[in-house]
């Protein structure tokens, strides 16, 4: 029987190093669903935009749209006055 893994509270499937062996950091995988089974296939030199399906584009966009953004500095009211813009 293989290794046992489970989804954590954030919904992430975390695989222990001993399960995946020696893998370079940031290695990308394509997730393939086969009924109740999941297969992770390494992506070799392929760019996401070149081979992504419509569903993968949508999922990627939604992940990006829901990701936290850096907080922009708040401009003081003085900076928004017309006279201040030409100084």
N, C-alpha and C. Protein backbone atom coordinates (compact mmCIF):
# COMPACT_ATOMS: atom_id res chain seq x y z
N UNK A 1 0.84 -1.18 0.00
CA UNK A 1 0.00 0.00 0.00
C UNK A 1 0.89 1.24 0.00
N UNK A 2 0.46 2.30 -0.67
CA UNK A 2 1.24 3.53 -0.78
C UNK A 2 1.14 4.42 0.44
N UNK A 3 1.77 5.59 0.33
CA UNK A 3 1.75 6.56 1.42
C UNK A 3 0.35 7.15 1.58
N UNK A 4 0.00 7.52 2.81
CA UNK A 4 -1.29 8.14 3.09
C UNK A 4 -1.07 9.65 3.17
N UNK A 5 -1.87 10.42 2.43
CA UNK A 5 -1.84 11.88 2.50
C UNK A 5 -3.27 12.38 2.66
N UNK A 6 -3.41 13.62 3.13
CA UNK A 6 -4.75 14.18 3.26
C UNK A 6 -4.71 15.68 3.01
N UNK A 7 -5.86 16.24 2.75
CA UNK A 7 -6.00 17.67 2.51
C UNK A 7 -6.02 18.38 3.86
N UNK A 8 -5.26 19.51 3.96
CA UNK A 8 -5.21 20.25 5.22
C UNK A 8 -6.40 21.19 5.34
N UNK A 9 -6.46 21.98 6.43
CA UNK A 9 -7.59 22.87 6.69
C UNK A 9 -7.78 23.94 5.62
N UNK A 10 -6.71 24.31 4.91
CA UNK A 10 -6.81 25.32 3.85
C UNK A 10 -7.20 24.71 2.51
N UNK A 11 -7.38 23.40 2.46
CA UNK A 11 -7.76 22.74 1.21
C UNK A 11 -6.57 22.35 0.36
N UNK A 12 -5.36 22.41 0.92
CA UNK A 12 -4.15 22.06 0.18
C UNK A 12 -3.78 20.60 0.41
N UNK A 13 -3.34 19.96 -0.64
CA UNK A 13 -2.83 18.61 -0.53
C UNK A 13 -1.32 18.71 -0.41
N UNK A 14 -0.79 18.41 0.76
CA UNK A 14 0.65 18.54 1.02
C UNK A 14 1.27 17.16 1.00
N UNK A 15 2.27 17.00 0.13
CA UNK A 15 2.95 15.71 0.01
C UNK A 15 4.30 15.78 0.73
N UNK A 16 4.56 14.84 1.63
CA UNK A 16 5.85 14.81 2.32
C UNK A 16 6.99 14.55 1.34
N UNK A 17 8.18 15.05 1.66
CA UNK A 17 9.35 14.90 0.80
C UNK A 17 9.62 13.43 0.50
N UNK A 18 9.45 12.55 1.48
CA UNK A 18 9.73 11.13 1.25
C UNK A 18 8.77 10.52 0.24
N UNK A 19 7.59 11.12 0.08
CA UNK A 19 6.60 10.62 -0.87
C UNK A 19 6.97 10.97 -2.30
N UNK A 20 7.45 12.19 -2.51
CA UNK A 20 7.73 12.64 -3.87
C UNK A 20 9.18 12.47 -4.28
N UNK A 21 10.04 12.15 -3.33
CA UNK A 21 11.45 11.93 -3.66
C UNK A 21 12.19 13.23 -3.90
N UNK A 22 13.19 13.17 -4.74
CA UNK A 22 14.02 14.34 -5.02
C UNK A 22 13.40 15.15 -6.16
N UNK A 23 12.84 16.29 -5.81
CA UNK A 23 12.18 17.16 -6.79
C UNK A 23 12.73 18.57 -6.63
N UNK A 24 13.05 19.21 -7.75
CA UNK A 24 13.54 20.58 -7.70
C UNK A 24 12.44 21.51 -7.21
N UNK A 25 12.82 22.58 -6.47
CA UNK A 25 11.81 23.55 -6.04
C UNK A 25 11.10 24.16 -7.25
N UNK A 26 9.85 24.48 -7.08
CA UNK A 26 9.01 25.13 -8.10
C UNK A 26 8.73 24.24 -9.31
N UNK A 27 8.91 22.93 -9.16
CA UNK A 27 8.53 22.01 -10.23
C UNK A 27 7.02 22.08 -10.38
N UNK A 28 6.57 22.20 -11.62
CA UNK A 28 5.14 22.32 -11.87
C UNK A 28 4.57 20.97 -12.32
N UNK A 29 3.32 20.73 -11.92
CA UNK A 29 2.64 19.48 -12.25
C UNK A 29 1.28 19.78 -12.84
N UNK A 30 0.85 18.93 -13.76
CA UNK A 30 -0.52 18.97 -14.26
C UNK A 30 -1.30 17.98 -13.40
N UNK A 31 -2.44 18.43 -12.89
CA UNK A 31 -3.29 17.57 -12.07
C UNK A 31 -4.35 16.95 -12.98
N UNK A 32 -4.37 15.62 -13.00
CA UNK A 32 -5.33 14.90 -13.83
C UNK A 32 -6.24 14.09 -12.91
N UNK A 33 -7.55 14.22 -13.13
CA UNK A 33 -8.52 13.51 -12.31
C UNK A 33 -9.03 12.31 -13.09
N UNK A 34 -9.03 11.16 -12.43
CA UNK A 34 -9.50 9.91 -13.02
C UNK A 34 -10.49 9.28 -12.03
N UNK A 35 -11.74 9.72 -12.11
CA UNK A 35 -12.71 9.24 -11.13
C UNK A 35 -12.35 9.74 -9.76
N UNK A 36 -12.04 8.83 -8.84
CA UNK A 36 -11.65 9.22 -7.49
C UNK A 36 -10.14 9.27 -7.33
N UNK A 37 -9.40 9.05 -8.40
CA UNK A 37 -7.94 9.09 -8.36
C UNK A 37 -7.41 10.39 -8.93
N UNK A 38 -6.26 10.82 -8.45
CA UNK A 38 -5.59 12.03 -8.93
C UNK A 38 -4.19 11.64 -9.36
N UNK A 39 -3.79 12.10 -10.54
CA UNK A 39 -2.44 11.88 -11.04
C UNK A 39 -1.74 13.22 -11.18
N UNK A 40 -0.52 13.32 -10.67
CA UNK A 40 0.30 14.50 -10.85
C UNK A 40 1.36 14.18 -11.89
N UNK A 41 1.32 14.90 -13.01
CA UNK A 41 2.28 14.68 -14.09
C UNK A 41 3.18 15.89 -14.20
N UNK A 42 4.51 15.72 -14.10
CA UNK A 42 5.40 16.88 -14.17
C UNK A 42 5.31 17.56 -15.53
N UNK A 43 5.35 18.88 -15.52
CA UNK A 43 5.37 19.67 -16.75
C UNK A 43 6.82 19.86 -17.13
N UNK A 44 7.17 19.48 -18.33
CA UNK A 44 8.56 19.57 -18.76
C UNK A 44 8.71 20.64 -19.83
N UNK A 45 9.16 21.82 -19.45
CA UNK A 45 9.46 22.88 -20.39
C UNK A 45 8.27 23.51 -21.08
N UNK A 46 7.08 23.20 -20.66
CA UNK A 46 5.89 23.77 -21.28
C UNK A 46 5.48 25.01 -20.49
N UNK A 47 5.09 26.04 -21.19
CA UNK A 47 4.57 27.23 -20.54
C UNK A 47 3.07 27.06 -20.32
N UNK A 48 2.59 27.59 -19.23
CA UNK A 48 1.16 27.46 -18.89
C UNK A 48 0.28 28.01 -20.01
N UNK A 49 0.59 29.20 -20.49
CA UNK A 49 -0.26 29.85 -21.50
C UNK A 49 -0.31 29.07 -22.81
N UNK A 50 0.71 28.29 -23.10
CA UNK A 50 0.76 27.59 -24.37
C UNK A 50 -0.13 26.35 -24.39
N UNK A 51 -0.35 25.74 -23.24
CA UNK A 51 -1.05 24.45 -23.22
C UNK A 51 -2.24 24.38 -22.28
N UNK A 52 -2.57 25.47 -21.61
CA UNK A 52 -3.64 25.43 -20.62
C UNK A 52 -5.01 25.32 -21.30
N UNK A 53 -5.86 24.53 -20.68
CA UNK A 53 -7.24 24.42 -21.17
C UNK A 53 -8.03 25.63 -20.70
N UNK A 54 -9.21 25.79 -21.22
CA UNK A 54 -10.07 26.91 -20.81
C UNK A 54 -10.34 26.86 -19.30
N UNK A 55 -10.58 25.66 -18.77
CA UNK A 55 -10.85 25.51 -17.34
C UNK A 55 -9.63 25.89 -16.51
N UNK A 56 -8.43 25.53 -17.00
CA UNK A 56 -7.21 25.89 -16.27
C UNK A 56 -6.99 27.40 -16.28
N UNK A 57 -7.29 28.06 -17.42
CA UNK A 57 -7.19 29.52 -17.49
C UNK A 57 -8.13 30.17 -16.47
N UNK A 58 -9.36 29.69 -16.43
CA UNK A 58 -10.35 30.25 -15.51
C UNK A 58 -9.91 30.04 -14.07
N UNK A 59 -9.48 28.83 -13.74
CA UNK A 59 -9.02 28.54 -12.37
C UNK A 59 -7.83 29.40 -12.00
N UNK A 60 -6.89 29.56 -12.92
CA UNK A 60 -5.70 30.37 -12.67
C UNK A 60 -6.09 31.84 -12.46
N UNK A 61 -7.00 32.34 -13.28
CA UNK A 61 -7.45 33.73 -13.14
C UNK A 61 -8.15 33.95 -11.81
N UNK A 62 -9.03 33.02 -11.42
CA UNK A 62 -9.73 33.16 -10.15
C UNK A 62 -8.78 33.09 -8.97
N UNK A 63 -7.76 32.23 -9.04
CA UNK A 63 -6.74 32.18 -7.98
C UNK A 63 -6.03 33.52 -7.88
N UNK A 64 -5.66 34.09 -9.04
CA UNK A 64 -4.98 35.39 -9.06
C UNK A 64 -5.89 36.48 -8.50
N UNK A 65 -7.16 36.49 -8.95
CA UNK A 65 -8.09 37.54 -8.52
C UNK A 65 -8.37 37.47 -7.03
N UNK A 66 -8.34 36.28 -6.45
CA UNK A 66 -8.61 36.12 -5.02
C UNK A 66 -7.38 36.18 -4.15
N UNK A 67 -6.20 36.31 -4.76
CA UNK A 67 -4.97 36.36 -3.96
C UNK A 67 -4.81 37.72 -3.30
N UNK A 68 -4.16 37.76 -2.14
CA UNK A 68 -3.99 39.04 -1.45
C UNK A 68 -3.13 40.00 -2.27
N UNK A 69 -3.48 41.25 -2.24
CA UNK A 69 -2.73 42.29 -2.95
C UNK A 69 -1.92 43.10 -1.95
N UNK A 70 -0.77 43.62 -2.40
CA UNK A 70 -0.03 44.50 -1.49
C UNK A 70 -0.85 45.76 -1.22
N UNK A 71 -0.73 46.26 -0.01
CA UNK A 71 -1.49 47.44 0.38
C UNK A 71 -0.81 48.67 -0.22
N UNK A 72 -1.58 49.44 -0.98
CA UNK A 72 -1.05 50.67 -1.58
C UNK A 72 -1.01 51.77 -0.52
N UNK A 73 -0.03 52.65 -0.63
CA UNK A 73 0.02 53.75 0.34
C UNK A 73 -1.20 54.66 0.16
N UNK A 74 -1.68 55.18 1.25
CA UNK A 74 -2.84 56.06 1.21
C UNK A 74 -2.34 57.48 0.99
N UNK A 75 -2.87 58.13 -0.04
CA UNK A 75 -2.48 59.51 -0.33
C UNK A 75 -3.22 60.46 0.60
N UNK A 76 -2.51 61.45 1.11
CA UNK A 76 -3.21 62.45 1.93
C UNK A 76 -4.10 63.32 1.04
N UNK A 77 -5.10 63.92 1.63
CA UNK A 77 -6.02 64.79 0.88
C UNK A 77 -5.27 65.89 0.14
N UNK A 78 -4.21 66.40 0.73
CA UNK A 78 -3.40 67.46 0.12
C UNK A 78 -2.89 67.02 -1.26
N UNK A 79 -2.52 65.77 -1.41
CA UNK A 79 -1.97 65.27 -2.68
C UNK A 79 -3.01 65.24 -3.79
N UNK A 80 -4.28 65.24 -3.43
CA UNK A 80 -5.34 65.16 -4.43
C UNK A 80 -5.86 66.53 -4.87
N UNK A 81 -5.38 67.57 -4.26
CA UNK A 81 -5.81 68.92 -4.65
C UNK A 81 -5.12 69.33 -5.94
N UNK A 82 -5.84 69.99 -6.79
CA UNK A 82 -5.31 70.39 -8.10
C UNK A 82 -4.04 71.23 -7.97
N UNK A 83 -4.01 72.12 -7.02
CA UNK A 83 -2.84 73.00 -6.85
C UNK A 83 -1.59 72.19 -6.52
N UNK A 84 -1.75 71.08 -5.79
CA UNK A 84 -0.60 70.28 -5.37
C UNK A 84 -0.04 69.44 -6.51
N UNK A 85 -0.87 69.16 -7.51
CA UNK A 85 -0.42 68.29 -8.59
C UNK A 85 0.62 68.95 -9.48
N UNK A 86 0.69 70.25 -9.49
CA UNK A 86 1.64 70.95 -10.38
C UNK A 86 2.86 71.47 -9.64
N UNK A 87 3.02 71.10 -8.39
CA UNK A 87 4.21 71.54 -7.64
C UNK A 87 5.43 70.74 -8.01
